[in-house]
């Protein structure tokens, strides 16, 4: 991982985090949005523009990759680099949680 990618993605936006987190399984943009709504009880909703812009940037940066097309929908999956960045972000979030005393 380059230092530039690390600076761009860590800390990660909430949207970026949820997209990468969801893509540990093969998914398309619409299903990611639905999953995020479920996971956050509707508190986080990712607009189509944000979703597809983020997917495009993450694919260009090598964090995710196109895996196949199904019913005219592109399915993506996290890459090894994406897993590495996601792990850094999860550790950062855990550290924040520990520092506030696990409240």
N, C-alpha and C. Protein backbone atom coordinates (compact mmCIF):
# COMPACT_ATOMS: atom_id res chain seq x y z
N UNK A 1 0.85 -1.18 0.00
CA UNK A 1 0.00 0.00 0.00
C UNK A 1 0.89 1.24 0.00
N UNK A 2 0.53 2.19 -0.84
CA UNK A 2 1.31 3.42 -0.89
C UNK A 2 0.84 4.36 0.22
N UNK A 3 1.73 5.25 0.59
CA UNK A 3 1.39 6.24 1.62
C UNK A 3 0.26 7.14 1.14
N UNK A 4 0.24 7.43 -0.16
CA UNK A 4 -0.82 8.28 -0.72
C UNK A 4 -2.18 7.62 -0.52
N UNK A 5 -2.30 6.33 -0.83
CA UNK A 5 -3.58 5.64 -0.64
C UNK A 5 -3.97 5.62 0.83
N UNK A 6 -2.99 5.41 1.68
CA UNK A 6 -3.26 5.40 3.12
C UNK A 6 -3.83 6.75 3.56
N UNK A 7 -3.24 7.84 3.09
CA UNK A 7 -3.72 9.18 3.46
C UNK A 7 -5.11 9.44 2.91
N UNK A 8 -5.41 8.94 1.71
CA UNK A 8 -6.71 9.16 1.09
C UNK A 8 -7.81 8.40 1.82
N UNK A 9 -7.52 7.18 2.25
CA UNK A 9 -8.57 6.31 2.77
C UNK A 9 -8.61 6.14 4.29
N UNK A 10 -7.57 6.53 5.00
CA UNK A 10 -7.58 6.38 6.46
C UNK A 10 -7.30 7.73 7.09
N UNK A 11 -8.23 8.32 7.85
CA UNK A 11 -9.53 7.76 8.20
C UNK A 11 -10.47 7.74 7.00
N UNK A 12 -11.41 6.83 7.05
CA UNK A 12 -12.33 6.60 5.96
C UNK A 12 -13.66 7.30 6.24
N UNK A 13 -14.32 7.71 5.17
CA UNK A 13 -15.66 8.24 5.35
C UNK A 13 -16.58 7.09 5.77
N UNK A 14 -17.67 7.42 6.39
CA UNK A 14 -18.63 6.39 6.80
C UNK A 14 -19.15 5.62 5.58
N UNK A 15 -19.42 6.35 4.51
CA UNK A 15 -19.89 5.73 3.27
C UNK A 15 -18.84 4.77 2.73
N UNK A 16 -17.62 5.23 2.62
CA UNK A 16 -16.54 4.38 2.12
C UNK A 16 -16.35 3.14 2.97
N UNK A 17 -16.43 3.32 4.28
CA UNK A 17 -16.29 2.19 5.20
C UNK A 17 -17.36 1.14 4.93
N UNK A 18 -18.60 1.58 4.88
CA UNK A 18 -19.68 0.61 4.69
C UNK A 18 -19.61 -0.07 3.32
N UNK A 19 -19.22 0.66 2.30
CA UNK A 19 -19.09 0.04 0.98
C UNK A 19 -18.03 -1.05 1.00
N UNK A 20 -16.85 -0.74 1.52
CA UNK A 20 -15.79 -1.76 1.59
C UNK A 20 -16.20 -2.92 2.48
N UNK A 21 -16.81 -2.61 3.62
CA UNK A 21 -17.25 -3.64 4.56
C UNK A 21 -18.22 -4.60 3.89
N UNK A 22 -19.17 -4.07 3.13
CA UNK A 22 -20.15 -4.90 2.43
C UNK A 22 -19.50 -5.74 1.34
N UNK A 23 -18.48 -5.21 0.70
CA UNK A 23 -17.88 -5.90 -0.43
C UNK A 23 -16.94 -7.04 -0.03
N UNK A 24 -16.96 -7.41 1.23
CA UNK A 24 -16.30 -8.64 1.62
C UNK A 24 -17.06 -9.81 0.99
N UNK A 25 -18.31 -9.52 0.58
CA UNK A 25 -19.11 -10.45 -0.22
C UNK A 25 -19.34 -9.78 -1.57
N UNK A 26 -19.46 -10.56 -2.62
CA UNK A 26 -19.73 -10.01 -3.94
C UNK A 26 -21.11 -9.34 -3.94
N UNK A 27 -21.16 -8.07 -4.36
CA UNK A 27 -22.41 -7.32 -4.36
C UNK A 27 -22.39 -6.28 -5.47
N UNK A 28 -23.58 -5.75 -5.76
CA UNK A 28 -23.70 -4.62 -6.68
C UNK A 28 -24.16 -3.41 -5.86
N UNK A 29 -24.08 -2.24 -6.48
CA UNK A 29 -24.35 -0.99 -5.78
C UNK A 29 -25.68 -0.94 -5.06
N UNK A 30 -26.75 -1.35 -5.72
CA UNK A 30 -28.06 -1.29 -5.09
C UNK A 30 -28.12 -2.17 -3.84
N UNK A 31 -27.57 -3.38 -3.93
CA UNK A 31 -27.62 -4.27 -2.77
C UNK A 31 -26.75 -3.75 -1.63
N UNK A 32 -25.66 -3.07 -1.96
CA UNK A 32 -24.83 -2.44 -0.91
C UNK A 32 -25.68 -1.41 -0.17
N UNK A 33 -26.37 -0.55 -0.93
CA UNK A 33 -27.22 0.48 -0.32
C UNK A 33 -28.27 -0.12 0.60
N UNK A 34 -28.89 -1.19 0.16
CA UNK A 34 -29.92 -1.86 0.97
C UNK A 34 -29.31 -2.44 2.24
N UNK A 35 -28.15 -3.08 2.11
CA UNK A 35 -27.48 -3.69 3.26
C UNK A 35 -27.09 -2.62 4.28
N UNK A 36 -26.58 -1.49 3.79
CA UNK A 36 -26.17 -0.42 4.70
C UNK A 36 -27.37 0.12 5.46
N UNK A 37 -28.49 0.31 4.78
CA UNK A 37 -29.71 0.76 5.47
C UNK A 37 -30.10 -0.21 6.57
N UNK A 38 -30.03 -1.50 6.27
CA UNK A 38 -30.36 -2.53 7.27
C UNK A 38 -29.40 -2.48 8.45
N UNK A 39 -28.10 -2.42 8.15
CA UNK A 39 -27.07 -2.44 9.19
C UNK A 39 -27.17 -1.23 10.12
N UNK A 40 -27.61 -0.10 9.59
CA UNK A 40 -27.63 1.15 10.37
C UNK A 40 -29.05 1.54 10.79
N UNK A 41 -29.99 0.63 10.65
CA UNK A 41 -31.40 0.93 10.97
C UNK A 41 -31.88 2.20 10.27
N UNK A 42 -31.43 2.39 9.03
CA UNK A 42 -31.86 3.52 8.23
C UNK A 42 -31.12 4.82 8.49
N UNK A 43 -30.17 4.82 9.42
CA UNK A 43 -29.45 6.05 9.75
C UNK A 43 -28.51 6.49 8.63
N UNK A 44 -28.00 5.53 7.86
CA UNK A 44 -27.10 5.85 6.76
C UNK A 44 -27.75 5.40 5.47
N UNK A 45 -27.89 6.35 4.55
CA UNK A 45 -28.45 6.07 3.24
C UNK A 45 -27.48 6.62 2.20
N UNK A 46 -27.04 5.77 1.30
CA UNK A 46 -26.06 6.19 0.30
C UNK A 46 -26.77 6.48 -1.01
N UNK A 47 -26.67 7.72 -1.48
CA UNK A 47 -27.32 8.09 -2.74
C UNK A 47 -26.64 7.39 -3.90
N UNK A 48 -27.36 7.28 -5.01
CA UNK A 48 -26.81 6.61 -6.19
C UNK A 48 -25.53 7.30 -6.67
N UNK A 49 -25.52 8.63 -6.69
CA UNK A 49 -24.35 9.37 -7.14
C UNK A 49 -23.13 9.09 -6.27
N UNK A 50 -23.34 9.08 -4.96
CA UNK A 50 -22.25 8.80 -4.03
C UNK A 50 -21.79 7.35 -4.18
N UNK A 51 -22.75 6.45 -4.28
CA UNK A 51 -22.42 5.02 -4.40
C UNK A 51 -21.55 4.77 -5.62
N UNK A 52 -22.03 5.19 -6.79
CA UNK A 52 -21.32 4.85 -8.02
C UNK A 52 -20.03 5.64 -8.18
N UNK A 53 -19.99 6.85 -7.65
CA UNK A 53 -18.75 7.61 -7.66
C UNK A 53 -17.69 6.95 -6.78
N UNK A 54 -18.11 6.49 -5.60
CA UNK A 54 -17.19 5.82 -4.68
C UNK A 54 -16.73 4.48 -5.23
N UNK A 55 -17.66 3.71 -5.80
CA UNK A 55 -17.28 2.43 -6.40
C UNK A 55 -16.26 2.64 -7.52
N UNK A 56 -16.48 3.65 -8.34
CA UNK A 56 -15.57 3.94 -9.45
C UNK A 56 -14.18 4.31 -8.93
N UNK A 57 -14.13 5.18 -7.92
CA UNK A 57 -12.84 5.60 -7.35
C UNK A 57 -12.13 4.42 -6.70
N UNK A 58 -12.87 3.62 -5.93
CA UNK A 58 -12.26 2.48 -5.26
C UNK A 58 -11.74 1.45 -6.27
N UNK A 59 -12.47 1.28 -7.36
CA UNK A 59 -12.01 0.34 -8.39
C UNK A 59 -10.73 0.87 -9.04
N UNK A 60 -10.72 2.15 -9.36
CA UNK A 60 -9.54 2.78 -9.98
C UNK A 60 -8.32 2.68 -9.06
N UNK A 61 -8.55 2.82 -7.74
CA UNK A 61 -7.46 2.76 -6.77
C UNK A 61 -7.07 1.34 -6.39
N UNK A 62 -7.81 0.35 -6.87
CA UNK A 62 -7.46 -1.05 -6.63
C UNK A 62 -8.00 -1.65 -5.34
N UNK A 63 -8.94 -0.96 -4.67
CA UNK A 63 -9.50 -1.48 -3.42
C UNK A 63 -10.60 -2.52 -3.68
N UNK A 64 -11.25 -2.39 -4.82
CA UNK A 64 -12.29 -3.34 -5.19
C UNK A 64 -12.06 -3.72 -6.66
N UNK A 65 -12.69 -4.79 -7.08
CA UNK A 65 -12.60 -5.16 -8.49
C UNK A 65 -13.94 -5.66 -8.98
N UNK A 66 -14.19 -5.40 -10.24
CA UNK A 66 -15.38 -5.91 -10.91
C UNK A 66 -15.23 -7.42 -10.96
N UNK A 67 -16.28 -8.15 -10.59
CA UNK A 67 -16.17 -9.60 -10.65
C UNK A 67 -17.02 -10.19 -11.77
N UNK A 68 -18.22 -9.64 -11.97
CA UNK A 68 -19.07 -10.14 -13.06
C UNK A 68 -20.29 -9.25 -13.20
N UNK A 69 -21.05 -9.50 -14.24
CA UNK A 69 -22.29 -8.76 -14.45
C UNK A 69 -23.45 -9.74 -14.33
N UNK A 70 -24.51 -9.27 -13.67
CA UNK A 70 -25.69 -10.10 -13.48
C UNK A 70 -26.91 -9.21 -13.70
N UNK A 71 -27.73 -9.56 -14.68
CA UNK A 71 -28.92 -8.78 -14.99
C UNK A 71 -28.60 -7.29 -15.15
N UNK A 72 -27.57 -6.99 -15.91
CA UNK A 72 -27.12 -5.63 -16.21
C UNK A 72 -26.59 -4.87 -15.00
N UNK A 73 -26.30 -5.58 -13.92
CA UNK A 73 -25.72 -4.96 -12.72
C UNK A 73 -24.29 -5.46 -12.55
N UNK A 74 -23.38 -4.53 -12.29
CA UNK A 74 -21.99 -4.89 -12.06
C UNK A 74 -21.82 -5.33 -10.61
N UNK A 75 -21.23 -6.48 -10.44
CA UNK A 75 -20.93 -6.98 -9.10
C UNK A 75 -19.45 -6.77 -8.82
N UNK A 76 -19.16 -6.34 -7.59
CA UNK A 76 -17.80 -6.04 -7.17
C UNK A 76 -17.44 -6.87 -5.95
N UNK A 77 -16.15 -6.94 -5.70
CA UNK A 77 -15.63 -7.64 -4.52
C UNK A 77 -14.37 -6.90 -4.06
N UNK A 78 -14.15 -6.90 -2.77
CA UNK A 78 -12.97 -6.26 -2.19
C UNK A 78 -11.70 -7.01 -2.63
N UNK A 79 -10.62 -6.27 -2.82
CA UNK A 79 -9.33 -6.87 -3.17
C UNK A 79 -8.48 -7.01 -1.91
N UNK A 80 -7.31 -7.59 -2.08
CA UNK A 80 -6.39 -7.72 -0.96
C UNK A 80 -6.01 -6.34 -0.41
N UNK A 81 -5.76 -5.39 -1.31
CA UNK A 81 -5.45 -4.03 -0.89
C UNK A 81 -6.63 -3.42 -0.13
N UNK A 82 -7.83 -3.63 -0.62
CA UNK A 82 -9.02 -3.13 0.05
C UNK A 82 -9.16 -3.73 1.44
N UNK A 83 -8.87 -5.02 1.57
CA UNK A 83 -8.92 -5.70 2.88
C UNK A 83 -7.91 -5.07 3.84
N UNK A 84 -6.73 -4.75 3.31
CA UNK A 84 -5.69 -4.14 4.13
C UNK A 84 -6.14 -2.77 4.64
N UNK A 85 -6.71 -1.98 3.77
CA UNK A 85 -7.19 -0.65 4.17
C UNK A 85 -8.37 -0.76 5.12
N UNK A 86 -9.29 -1.68 4.85
CA UNK A 86 -10.43 -1.89 5.74
C UNK A 86 -9.94 -2.32 7.13
N UNK A 87 -8.95 -3.17 7.20
CA UNK A 87 -8.40 -3.61 8.49
C UNK A 87 -7.80 -2.44 9.27
N UNK A 88 -7.09 -1.56 8.56
CA UNK A 88 -6.54 -0.37 9.22
C UNK A 88 -7.65 0.49 9.81
N UNK A 89 -8.72 0.65 9.05
CA UNK A 89 -9.84 1.48 9.51
C UNK A 89 -10.56 0.82 10.69
N UNK A 90 -10.75 -0.48 10.65
CA UNK A 90 -11.39 -1.18 11.76
C UNK A 90 -10.55 -1.04 13.03
N UNK A 91 -9.23 -1.18 12.89
CA UNK A 91 -8.35 -1.01 14.05
C UNK A 91 -8.42 0.42 14.58
N UNK A 92 -8.51 1.40 13.68
CA UNK A 92 -8.63 2.80 14.10
C UNK A 92 -9.93 3.01 14.88
N UNK A 93 -11.02 2.44 14.41
CA UNK A 93 -12.31 2.57 15.09
C UNK A 93 -12.27 1.88 16.45
N UNK A 94 -11.66 0.71 16.53
CA UNK A 94 -11.53 0.00 17.81
C UNK A 94 -10.73 0.83 18.81
N UNK A 95 -9.65 1.47 18.32
CA UNK A 95 -8.84 2.33 19.19
C UNK A 95 -9.67 3.50 19.73
N UNK A 96 -10.47 4.12 18.84
CA UNK A 96 -11.34 5.21 19.29
C UNK A 96 -12.31 4.72 20.37
N UNK A 97 -12.89 3.58 20.14
CA UNK A 97 -13.83 3.00 21.10
C UNK A 97 -13.15 2.74 22.45
N UNK A 98 -11.95 2.16 22.40
CA UNK A 98 -11.21 1.92 23.65
C UNK A 98 -10.91 3.23 24.37
N UNK A 99 -10.55 4.27 23.60
CA UNK A 99 -10.16 5.53 24.21
C UNK A 99 -11.32 6.27 24.87
N UNK A 100 -12.53 5.95 24.49
CA UNK A 100 -13.67 6.59 25.16
C UNK A 100 -14.22 5.70 26.27
N UNK A 101 -13.47 4.66 26.58
CA UNK A 101 -13.84 3.81 27.71
C UNK A 101 -14.93 2.80 27.37
N UNK A 102 -15.08 2.47 26.10
CA UNK A 102 -16.06 1.46 25.73
C UNK A 102 -17.49 1.87 26.01
N UNK A 103 -17.74 3.17 26.03
CA UNK A 103 -19.09 3.68 26.32
C UNK A 103 -20.06 3.21 25.26
